[in-house]
Amino acid sequence: MTSFSTLLQATATQLAEAPRSAEPQLLDVDGSVFVMLGIFLVLLLILWQFLWKPYLRVRDERVSRVEGARDQAAKLETEAAARLARIETALAEARRGGAAETVKLRQEAQAREQQIITQAQDAARKTMVEARAKLDTALVAEKANLQKQTEILGRQIAEKALGRGLA
């Protein structure tokens, strides 16, 4: 505490012994400094209240909206990427299902084709068997008919050659 009081006394003696200039000073330090300081502080408070506070509030709102928009955009981008991944997964699954369905349908078509071919072959064999049976029946009938005609012709030839009727 004593060092503070000695420092204060030394400062006071220095101020009292400050040299004075013969020329007038540009800045007189007197009571008007406190008035100017007061005006400055009042003006500072008024400007702070009506200019700086609204400016800072608007600036903070704008920053928060921009940051909110960025966050929203990042969130939407993440959601879009997730949706795209789900769609691509579903599309790949649909392609696999489509390929499996195509293979299944191709196998069914081949089985149906084989069935139709088998039915056609069976129908052709049946028709051939029926045609052969009819042909064999017709052949037997024609052979019998030819046999009868041969006998009749033979008899007629014999009767003409002998010149008499055969009994």
N, C-alpha and C. Protein backbone atom coordinates (compact mmCIF):
# COMPACT_ATOMS: atom_id res chain seq x y z
N MET A 1 0.81 -1.17 0.00
CA MET A 1 0.00 0.00 0.00
C MET A 1 0.86 1.25 0.00
N THR A 2 1.96 1.18 0.64
CA THR A 2 2.84 2.35 0.67
C THR A 2 3.45 2.60 -0.68
N SER A 3 3.70 1.54 -1.43
CA SER A 3 4.28 1.74 -2.75
C SER A 3 3.28 2.40 -3.68
N PHE A 4 2.00 2.09 -3.47
CA PHE A 4 0.97 2.71 -4.28
C PHE A 4 0.86 4.20 -3.98
N SER A 5 0.92 4.54 -2.72
CA SER A 5 0.81 5.96 -2.35
C SER A 5 2.03 6.74 -2.82
N THR A 6 3.20 6.14 -2.77
CA THR A 6 4.39 6.85 -3.28
C THR A 6 4.32 7.00 -4.78
N LEU A 7 3.77 6.01 -5.46
CA LEU A 7 3.60 6.10 -6.90
C LEU A 7 2.62 7.20 -7.25
N LEU A 8 1.58 7.31 -6.49
CA LEU A 8 0.57 8.35 -6.70
C LEU A 8 1.16 9.73 -6.46
N GLN A 9 1.98 9.86 -5.44
CA GLN A 9 2.62 11.15 -5.15
C GLN A 9 3.60 11.52 -6.26
N ALA A 10 4.33 10.57 -6.76
CA ALA A 10 5.30 10.84 -7.81
C ALA A 10 4.58 11.27 -9.08
N THR A 11 3.46 10.65 -9.37
CA THR A 11 2.69 11.03 -10.56
C THR A 11 2.15 12.43 -10.40
N ALA A 12 1.67 12.78 -9.24
CA ALA A 12 1.12 14.11 -9.00
C ALA A 12 2.20 15.18 -9.13
N THR A 13 3.38 14.90 -8.63
CA THR A 13 4.46 15.89 -8.73
C THR A 13 4.90 16.04 -10.18
N GLN A 14 4.87 14.96 -10.93
CA GLN A 14 5.24 15.02 -12.34
C GLN A 14 4.24 15.86 -13.12
N LEU A 15 2.96 15.70 -12.78
CA LEU A 15 1.93 16.45 -13.48
C LEU A 15 2.03 17.94 -13.12
N ALA A 16 2.35 18.20 -11.90
CA ALA A 16 2.45 19.59 -11.48
C ALA A 16 3.64 20.26 -12.12
N GLU A 17 4.65 19.47 -12.41
CA GLU A 17 5.87 20.04 -12.95
C GLU A 17 5.96 19.89 -14.46
N ALA A 18 4.86 19.56 -15.11
CA ALA A 18 4.90 19.39 -16.56
C ALA A 18 5.21 20.72 -17.21
N PRO A 19 6.04 20.69 -18.26
CA PRO A 19 6.40 21.95 -18.92
C PRO A 19 5.21 22.52 -19.67
N ARG A 20 5.16 23.81 -19.73
CA ARG A 20 4.09 24.50 -20.42
C ARG A 20 4.66 25.10 -21.68
N SER A 21 3.83 25.05 -22.73
CA SER A 21 4.25 25.61 -24.00
C SER A 21 3.71 27.02 -24.12
N ALA A 22 4.46 27.87 -24.82
CA ALA A 22 4.02 29.25 -25.02
C ALA A 22 2.95 29.32 -26.09
N GLU A 23 2.89 28.34 -26.97
CA GLU A 23 1.89 28.30 -28.04
C GLU A 23 0.60 27.69 -27.51
N PRO A 24 -0.52 28.11 -28.11
CA PRO A 24 -1.77 27.51 -27.67
C PRO A 24 -1.84 26.04 -28.11
N GLN A 25 -2.42 25.19 -27.28
CA GLN A 25 -2.52 23.75 -27.54
C GLN A 25 -3.73 23.47 -28.43
N LEU A 26 -3.65 22.41 -29.26
CA LEU A 26 -4.75 22.02 -30.13
C LEU A 26 -5.89 21.43 -29.32
N LEU A 27 -5.58 20.77 -28.28
CA LEU A 27 -6.60 20.09 -27.49
C LEU A 27 -6.45 20.53 -26.05
N ASP A 28 -7.46 21.21 -25.57
CA ASP A 28 -7.46 21.60 -24.16
C ASP A 28 -8.23 20.55 -23.39
N VAL A 29 -7.63 20.01 -22.41
CA VAL A 29 -8.28 19.02 -21.58
C VAL A 29 -8.90 19.77 -20.42
N ASP A 30 -10.22 19.91 -20.48
CA ASP A 30 -10.94 20.58 -19.41
C ASP A 30 -12.29 19.88 -19.23
N GLY A 31 -13.28 20.51 -18.71
CA GLY A 31 -14.59 19.90 -18.44
C GLY A 31 -15.35 19.52 -19.69
N SER A 32 -15.02 20.17 -20.83
CA SER A 32 -15.73 19.84 -22.06
C SER A 32 -15.43 18.42 -22.54
N VAL A 33 -14.32 17.86 -22.13
CA VAL A 33 -13.98 16.47 -22.49
C VAL A 33 -15.03 15.54 -21.91
N PHE A 34 -15.47 15.81 -20.69
CA PHE A 34 -16.47 14.95 -20.06
C PHE A 34 -17.83 15.11 -20.74
N VAL A 35 -18.11 16.33 -21.20
CA VAL A 35 -19.36 16.57 -21.92
C VAL A 35 -19.31 15.81 -23.25
N MET A 36 -18.20 15.90 -23.98
CA MET A 36 -18.05 15.20 -25.26
C MET A 36 -18.09 13.68 -25.04
N LEU A 37 -17.46 13.24 -23.95
CA LEU A 37 -17.50 11.82 -23.63
C LEU A 37 -18.93 11.38 -23.35
N GLY A 38 -19.68 12.21 -22.62
CA GLY A 38 -21.08 11.92 -22.32
C GLY A 38 -21.90 11.87 -23.59
N ILE A 39 -21.71 12.86 -24.48
CA ILE A 39 -22.44 12.87 -25.75
C ILE A 39 -22.09 11.62 -26.56
N PHE A 40 -20.82 11.28 -26.58
CA PHE A 40 -20.37 10.08 -27.31
C PHE A 40 -21.05 8.82 -26.76
N LEU A 41 -21.09 8.71 -25.42
CA LEU A 41 -21.70 7.53 -24.81
C LEU A 41 -23.20 7.47 -25.07
N VAL A 42 -23.88 8.64 -25.00
CA VAL A 42 -25.31 8.67 -25.27
C VAL A 42 -25.56 8.28 -26.73
N LEU A 43 -24.76 8.89 -27.63
CA LEU A 43 -24.88 8.56 -29.05
C LEU A 43 -24.58 7.08 -29.30
N LEU A 44 -23.59 6.56 -28.59
CA LEU A 44 -23.25 5.14 -28.70
C LEU A 44 -24.42 4.27 -28.26
N LEU A 45 -25.06 4.61 -27.14
CA LEU A 45 -26.21 3.84 -26.65
C LEU A 45 -27.37 3.91 -27.63
N ILE A 46 -27.65 5.11 -28.16
CA ILE A 46 -28.75 5.26 -29.11
C ILE A 46 -28.48 4.45 -30.37
N LEU A 47 -27.28 4.59 -30.92
CA LEU A 47 -26.93 3.83 -32.13
C LEU A 47 -26.93 2.33 -31.85
N TRP A 48 -26.44 1.95 -30.68
CA TRP A 48 -26.43 0.53 -30.33
C TRP A 48 -27.84 -0.02 -30.30
N GLN A 49 -28.75 0.74 -29.67
CA GLN A 49 -30.12 0.29 -29.51
C GLN A 49 -30.87 0.25 -30.84
N PHE A 50 -30.75 1.31 -31.64
CA PHE A 50 -31.57 1.43 -32.84
C PHE A 50 -30.89 1.01 -34.13
N LEU A 51 -29.58 0.84 -34.13
CA LEU A 51 -28.89 0.48 -35.36
C LEU A 51 -28.18 -0.87 -35.24
N TRP A 52 -27.32 -1.01 -34.25
CA TRP A 52 -26.51 -2.22 -34.16
C TRP A 52 -27.30 -3.44 -33.73
N LYS A 53 -28.19 -3.29 -32.73
CA LYS A 53 -28.98 -4.45 -32.29
C LYS A 53 -29.83 -5.01 -33.42
N PRO A 54 -30.62 -4.16 -34.15
CA PRO A 54 -31.39 -4.71 -35.28
C PRO A 54 -30.50 -5.31 -36.36
N TYR A 55 -29.38 -4.65 -36.64
CA TYR A 55 -28.47 -5.19 -37.66
C TYR A 55 -27.95 -6.56 -37.24
N LEU A 56 -27.51 -6.67 -36.00
CA LEU A 56 -26.98 -7.96 -35.52
C LEU A 56 -28.07 -9.02 -35.48
N ARG A 57 -29.31 -8.62 -35.10
CA ARG A 57 -30.42 -9.58 -35.08
C ARG A 57 -30.72 -10.08 -36.49
N VAL A 58 -30.80 -9.15 -37.46
CA VAL A 58 -31.06 -9.53 -38.84
C VAL A 58 -29.94 -10.41 -39.37
N ARG A 59 -28.72 -10.04 -39.07
CA ARG A 59 -27.56 -10.82 -39.52
C ARG A 59 -27.59 -12.22 -38.92
N ASP A 60 -27.89 -12.31 -37.62
CA ASP A 60 -27.97 -13.63 -36.97
C ASP A 60 -29.10 -14.47 -37.56
N GLU A 61 -30.25 -13.83 -37.83
CA GLU A 61 -31.36 -14.56 -38.45
C GLU A 61 -30.98 -15.06 -39.84
N ARG A 62 -30.31 -14.20 -40.60
CA ARG A 62 -29.89 -14.59 -41.94
C ARG A 62 -28.90 -15.75 -41.88
N VAL A 63 -27.95 -15.65 -40.96
CA VAL A 63 -26.97 -16.73 -40.81
C VAL A 63 -27.67 -18.02 -40.39
N SER A 64 -28.61 -17.88 -39.43
CA SER A 64 -29.30 -19.10 -38.98
C SER A 64 -30.16 -19.68 -40.10
N ARG A 65 -30.81 -18.82 -40.92
CA ARG A 65 -31.59 -19.33 -42.06
C ARG A 65 -30.69 -20.00 -43.08
N VAL A 66 -29.55 -19.37 -43.36
CA VAL A 66 -28.63 -19.97 -44.34
C VAL A 66 -28.12 -21.30 -43.81
N GLU A 67 -27.73 -21.32 -42.54
CA GLU A 67 -27.26 -22.58 -41.95
C GLU A 67 -28.38 -23.61 -41.92
N GLY A 68 -29.59 -23.15 -41.59
CA GLY A 68 -30.75 -24.05 -41.60
C GLY A 68 -31.01 -24.59 -42.99
N ALA A 69 -30.89 -23.71 -43.98
CA ALA A 69 -31.09 -24.16 -45.37
C ALA A 69 -30.00 -25.15 -45.77
N ARG A 70 -28.78 -24.87 -45.34
CA ARG A 70 -27.69 -25.82 -45.65
C ARG A 70 -27.93 -27.15 -44.97
N ASP A 71 -28.34 -27.09 -43.70
CA ASP A 71 -28.62 -28.34 -42.99
C ASP A 71 -29.78 -29.09 -43.66
N GLN A 72 -30.81 -28.32 -44.04
CA GLN A 72 -31.96 -28.93 -44.72
C GLN A 72 -31.53 -29.53 -46.05
N ALA A 73 -30.68 -28.81 -46.79
CA ALA A 73 -30.20 -29.32 -48.08
C ALA A 73 -29.38 -30.59 -47.87
N ALA A 74 -28.53 -30.58 -46.85
CA ALA A 74 -27.73 -31.78 -46.57
C ALA A 74 -28.63 -32.94 -46.18
N LYS A 75 -29.66 -32.64 -45.37
CA LYS A 75 -30.60 -33.68 -44.96
C LYS A 75 -31.36 -34.23 -46.18
N LEU A 76 -31.84 -33.32 -47.04
CA LEU A 76 -32.55 -33.76 -48.25
C LEU A 76 -31.64 -34.55 -49.17
N GLU A 77 -30.38 -34.14 -49.26
CA GLU A 77 -29.43 -34.87 -50.10
C GLU A 77 -29.21 -36.27 -49.55
N THR A 78 -29.11 -36.38 -48.24
CA THR A 78 -28.93 -37.69 -47.61
C THR A 78 -30.16 -38.56 -47.85
N GLU A 79 -31.35 -37.96 -47.68
CA GLU A 79 -32.57 -38.71 -47.94
C GLU A 79 -32.67 -39.14 -49.40
N ALA A 80 -32.29 -38.24 -50.31
CA ALA A 80 -32.33 -38.57 -51.74
C ALA A 80 -31.37 -39.71 -52.04
N ALA A 81 -30.19 -39.67 -51.45
CA ALA A 81 -29.22 -40.75 -51.66
C ALA A 81 -29.77 -42.07 -51.12
N ALA A 82 -30.41 -42.01 -49.96
CA ALA A 82 -31.00 -43.23 -49.38
C ALA A 82 -32.12 -43.76 -50.27
N ARG A 83 -32.97 -42.84 -50.76
CA ARG A 83 -34.05 -43.27 -51.65
C ARG A 83 -33.49 -43.86 -52.94
N LEU A 84 -32.47 -43.22 -53.48
CA LEU A 84 -31.86 -43.73 -54.71
C LEU A 84 -31.28 -45.12 -54.48
N ALA A 85 -30.64 -45.31 -53.33
CA ALA A 85 -30.09 -46.64 -53.02
C ALA A 85 -31.21 -47.66 -52.92
N ARG A 86 -32.33 -47.27 -52.25
CA ARG A 86 -33.46 -48.20 -52.14
C ARG A 86 -34.05 -48.51 -53.51
N ILE A 87 -34.16 -47.49 -54.35
CA ILE A 87 -34.72 -47.69 -55.69
C ILE A 87 -33.81 -48.58 -56.52
N GLU A 88 -32.49 -48.34 -56.42
CA GLU A 88 -31.55 -49.16 -57.17
C GLU A 88 -31.59 -50.61 -56.68
N THR A 89 -31.72 -50.78 -55.37
CA THR A 89 -31.82 -52.13 -54.82
C THR A 89 -33.10 -52.81 -55.31
N ALA A 90 -34.20 -52.06 -55.27
CA ALA A 90 -35.48 -52.63 -55.75
C ALA A 90 -35.40 -52.93 -57.24
N LEU A 91 -34.76 -52.05 -58.00
CA LEU A 91 -34.61 -52.27 -59.44
C LEU A 91 -33.77 -53.51 -59.72
N ALA A 92 -32.67 -53.65 -58.99
CA ALA A 92 -31.83 -54.84 -59.17
C ALA A 92 -32.61 -56.10 -58.80
N GLU A 93 -33.39 -56.01 -57.72
CA GLU A 93 -34.20 -57.16 -57.32
C GLU A 93 -35.26 -57.47 -58.37
N ALA A 94 -35.87 -56.42 -58.92
CA ALA A 94 -36.87 -56.62 -59.98
C ALA A 94 -36.23 -57.23 -61.21
N ARG A 95 -35.02 -56.80 -61.54
CA ARG A 95 -34.32 -57.39 -62.69
C ARG A 95 -34.04 -58.87 -62.44
N ARG A 96 -33.57 -59.17 -61.22
CA ARG A 96 -33.32 -60.58 -60.91
C ARG A 96 -34.62 -61.38 -60.99
N GLY A 97 -35.70 -60.81 -60.42
CA GLY A 97 -37.00 -61.48 -60.49
C GLY A 97 -37.46 -61.64 -61.92
N GLY A 98 -37.25 -60.60 -62.73
CA GLY A 98 -37.63 -60.66 -64.15
C GLY A 98 -36.83 -61.72 -64.89
N ALA A 99 -35.53 -61.78 -64.60
CA ALA A 99 -34.69 -62.79 -65.24
C ALA A 99 -35.15 -64.20 -64.83
N ALA A 100 -35.44 -64.35 -63.55
CA ALA A 100 -35.92 -65.66 -63.07
C ALA A 100 -37.26 -66.00 -63.72
N GLU A 101 -38.13 -65.00 -63.82
CA GLU A 101 -39.44 -65.22 -64.45
C GLU A 101 -39.27 -65.56 -65.93
N THR A 102 -38.31 -64.88 -66.58
CA THR A 102 -38.05 -65.17 -68.00
C THR A 102 -37.57 -66.61 -68.16
N VAL A 103 -36.65 -67.03 -67.30
CA VAL A 103 -36.16 -68.41 -67.36
C VAL A 103 -37.31 -69.38 -67.11
N LYS A 104 -38.13 -69.05 -66.12
CA LYS A 104 -39.27 -69.93 -65.80
C LYS A 104 -40.23 -70.01 -66.99
N LEU A 105 -40.55 -68.87 -67.57
CA LEU A 105 -41.47 -68.86 -68.72
C LEU A 105 -40.87 -69.58 -69.92
N ARG A 106 -39.56 -69.40 -70.13
CA ARG A 106 -38.90 -70.09 -71.23
C ARG A 106 -38.97 -71.61 -71.02
N GLN A 107 -38.73 -72.04 -69.78
CA GLN A 107 -38.81 -73.48 -69.50
C GLN A 107 -40.23 -73.99 -69.69
N GLU A 108 -41.22 -73.20 -69.24
CA GLU A 108 -42.61 -73.60 -69.43
C GLU A 108 -42.95 -73.67 -70.91
N ALA A 109 -42.46 -72.69 -71.67
CA ALA A 109 -42.72 -72.67 -73.12
C ALA A 109 -42.07 -73.88 -73.78
N GLN A 110 -40.85 -74.21 -73.38
CA GLN A 110 -40.18 -75.37 -73.95
C GLN A 110 -40.92 -76.66 -73.58
N ALA A 111 -41.39 -76.73 -72.33
CA ALA A 111 -42.15 -77.91 -71.92
C ALA A 111 -43.45 -78.01 -72.71
N ARG A 112 -44.11 -76.87 -72.89
CA ARG A 112 -45.36 -76.85 -73.67
C ARG A 112 -45.09 -77.22 -75.13
N GLU A 113 -43.98 -76.68 -75.65
CA GLU A 113 -43.60 -77.01 -77.04
C GLU A 113 -43.35 -78.51 -77.17
N GLN A 114 -42.64 -79.09 -76.20
CA GLN A 114 -42.36 -80.52 -76.23
C GLN A 114 -43.65 -81.32 -76.12
N GLN A 115 -44.57 -80.82 -75.27
CA GLN A 115 -45.85 -81.49 -75.12
C GLN A 115 -46.64 -81.45 -76.44
N ILE A 116 -46.65 -80.29 -77.09
CA ILE A 116 -47.36 -80.15 -78.36
C ILE A 116 -46.74 -81.05 -79.42
N ILE A 117 -45.40 -81.07 -79.45
CA ILE A 117 -44.70 -81.94 -80.42
C ILE A 117 -45.04 -83.40 -80.15
N THR A 118 -45.04 -83.79 -78.89
CA THR A 118 -45.36 -85.18 -78.52
C THR A 118 -46.80 -85.50 -78.93
N GLN A 119 -47.72 -84.56 -78.65
CA GLN A 119 -49.12 -84.79 -79.04
C GLN A 119 -49.25 -84.90 -80.56
N ALA A 120 -48.53 -84.03 -81.28
CA ALA A 120 -48.59 -84.08 -82.75
C ALA A 120 -48.01 -85.40 -83.26
N GLN A 121 -46.89 -85.85 -82.66
CA GLN A 121 -46.29 -87.11 -83.08
C GLN A 121 -47.23 -88.27 -82.78
N ASP A 122 -47.86 -88.21 -81.59
CA ASP A 122 -48.82 -89.27 -81.24
C ASP A 122 -50.00 -89.27 -82.21
N ALA A 123 -50.49 -88.07 -82.53
CA ALA A 123 -51.61 -87.97 -83.46
C ALA A 123 -51.18 -88.46 -84.84
N ALA A 124 -49.96 -88.15 -85.27
CA ALA A 124 -49.47 -88.62 -86.57
C ALA A 124 -49.33 -90.13 -86.57
N ARG A 125 -48.79 -90.70 -85.49
CA ARG A 125 -48.67 -92.17 -85.41
C ARG A 125 -50.05 -92.83 -85.45
N LYS A 126 -50.98 -92.23 -84.69
CA LYS A 126 -52.33 -92.79 -84.65
C LYS A 126 -52.96 -92.73 -86.05
N THR A 127 -52.77 -91.57 -86.71
CA THR A 127 -53.31 -91.43 -88.07
C THR A 127 -52.64 -92.43 -89.00
N MET A 128 -51.33 -92.62 -88.86
CA MET A 128 -50.62 -93.58 -89.70
C MET A 128 -51.11 -95.00 -89.43
N VAL A 129 -51.32 -95.33 -88.15
CA VAL A 129 -51.81 -96.67 -87.80
C VAL A 129 -53.20 -96.87 -88.40
N GLU A 130 -54.04 -95.83 -88.25
CA GLU A 130 -55.39 -95.92 -88.81
C GLU A 130 -55.33 -96.04 -90.33
N ALA A 131 -54.47 -95.24 -90.95
CA ALA A 131 -54.34 -95.28 -92.42
C ALA A 131 -53.82 -96.65 -92.86
N ARG A 132 -52.83 -97.19 -92.12
CA ARG A 132 -52.32 -98.51 -92.46
C ARG A 132 -53.40 -99.57 -92.29
N ALA A 133 -54.18 -99.43 -91.20
CA ALA A 133 -55.26 -100.39 -90.98
C ALA A 133 -56.27 -100.31 -92.12
N LYS A 134 -56.62 -99.09 -92.51
CA LYS A 134 -57.56 -98.92 -93.63
C LYS A 134 -56.95 -99.47 -94.91
N LEU A 135 -55.65 -99.18 -95.10
CA LEU A 135 -54.97 -99.66 -96.29
C LEU A 135 -54.91 -101.19 -96.29
N ASP A 136 -54.61 -101.77 -95.14
CA ASP A 136 -54.57 -103.24 -95.06
C ASP A 136 -55.96 -103.83 -95.31
N THR A 137 -56.98 -103.17 -94.76
CA THR A 137 -58.35 -103.63 -94.97
C THR A 137 -58.70 -103.52 -96.45
N ALA A 138 -58.36 -102.40 -97.04
CA ALA A 138 -58.65 -102.19 -98.47
C ALA A 138 -57.86 -103.19 -99.30
N LEU A 139 -56.61 -103.45 -98.91
CA LEU A 139 -55.76 -104.39 -99.63
C LEU A 139 -56.35 -105.79 -99.58
N VAL A 140 -56.79 -106.19 -98.40
CA VAL A 140 -57.40 -107.51 -98.25
C VAL A 140 -58.67 -107.59 -99.09
N ALA A 141 -59.46 -106.51 -99.03
CA ALA A 141 -60.71 -106.50 -99.80
C ALA A 141 -60.40 -106.55 -101.28
N GLU A 142 -59.40 -105.81 -101.73
CA GLU A 142 -59.04 -105.80 -103.15
C GLU A 142 -58.45 -107.14 -103.57
N LYS A 143 -57.65 -107.73 -102.68
CA LYS A 143 -57.12 -109.06 -103.00
C LYS A 143 -58.26 -110.07 -103.16
N ALA A 144 -59.23 -109.98 -102.24
CA ALA A 144 -60.38 -110.90 -102.33
C ALA A 144 -61.15 -110.63 -103.61
N ASN A 145 -61.33 -109.35 -103.92
CA ASN A 145 -62.05 -108.97 -105.14
C ASN A 145 -61.27 -109.44 -106.36
N LEU A 146 -59.95 -109.26 -106.38
CA LEU A 146 -59.11 -109.71 -107.48
C LEU A 146 -59.15 -111.24 -107.59
N GLN A 147 -59.16 -111.88 -106.45
CA GLN A 147 -59.23 -113.35 -106.46
C GLN A 147 -60.52 -113.78 -107.13
N LYS A 148 -61.62 -113.16 -106.80
CA LYS A 148 -62.91 -113.50 -107.40
C LYS A 148 -62.86 -113.20 -108.89
N GLN A 149 -62.32 -112.03 -109.23
CA GLN A 149 -62.27 -111.67 -110.64
C GLN A 149 -61.32 -112.62 -111.39
N THR A 150 -60.25 -113.03 -110.76
CA THR A 150 -59.33 -113.97 -111.38
C THR A 150 -60.04 -115.29 -111.64
N GLU A 151 -60.79 -115.74 -110.70
CA GLU A 151 -61.53 -116.98 -110.88
C GLU A 151 -62.54 -116.85 -112.00
N ILE A 152 -63.26 -115.73 -112.02
CA ILE A 152 -64.26 -115.50 -113.05
C ILE A 152 -63.57 -115.42 -114.41
N LEU A 153 -62.50 -114.69 -114.51
CA LEU A 153 -61.78 -114.55 -115.77
C LEU A 153 -61.19 -115.92 -116.20
N GLY A 154 -60.66 -116.59 -115.25
CA GLY A 154 -60.11 -117.91 -115.55
C GLY A 154 -61.18 -118.85 -116.08
N ARG A 155 -62.34 -118.82 -115.49
CA ARG A 155 -63.45 -119.63 -115.93
C ARG A 155 -63.88 -119.21 -117.33
N GLN A 156 -63.97 -117.90 -117.53
CA GLN A 156 -64.39 -117.42 -118.85
C GLN A 156 -63.36 -117.81 -119.92
N ILE A 157 -62.10 -117.68 -119.61
CA ILE A 157 -61.04 -118.06 -120.55
C ILE A 157 -61.12 -119.57 -120.83
N ALA A 158 -61.29 -120.31 -119.78
CA ALA A 158 -61.37 -121.77 -119.93
C ALA A 158 -62.59 -122.15 -120.78
N GLU A 159 -63.71 -121.50 -120.55
CA GLU A 159 -64.93 -121.80 -121.31
C GLU A 159 -64.71 -121.42 -122.77
N LYS A 160 -64.07 -120.33 -123.05
CA LYS A 160 -63.84 -119.91 -124.41
C LYS A 160 -62.82 -120.86 -125.05
N ALA A 161 -61.83 -121.21 -124.30
CA ALA A 161 -60.84 -122.08 -124.88
C ALA A 161 -61.43 -123.48 -125.13
N LEU A 162 -62.25 -123.95 -124.28
CA LEU A 162 -62.85 -125.25 -124.45
C LEU A 162 -64.09 -125.17 -125.34
N GLY A 163 -64.64 -124.08 -125.37
CA GLY A 163 -65.83 -123.85 -126.16
C GLY A 163 -67.06 -124.41 -125.49
N ARG A 164 -67.02 -124.64 -124.32
CA ARG A 164 -68.18 -125.16 -123.60
C ARG A 164 -68.19 -124.55 -122.21
N GLY A 165 -69.25 -124.71 -121.50
CA GLY A 165 -69.39 -124.15 -120.18
C GLY A 165 -68.83 -125.10 -119.13
N LEU A 166 -68.29 -124.60 -118.16
CA LEU A 166 -67.74 -125.40 -117.07
C LEU A 166 -68.75 -125.53 -115.95
N ALA A 167 -68.69 -126.67 -115.36
CA ALA A 167 -69.69 -126.89 -114.34
C ALA A 167 -69.22 -126.50 -112.98
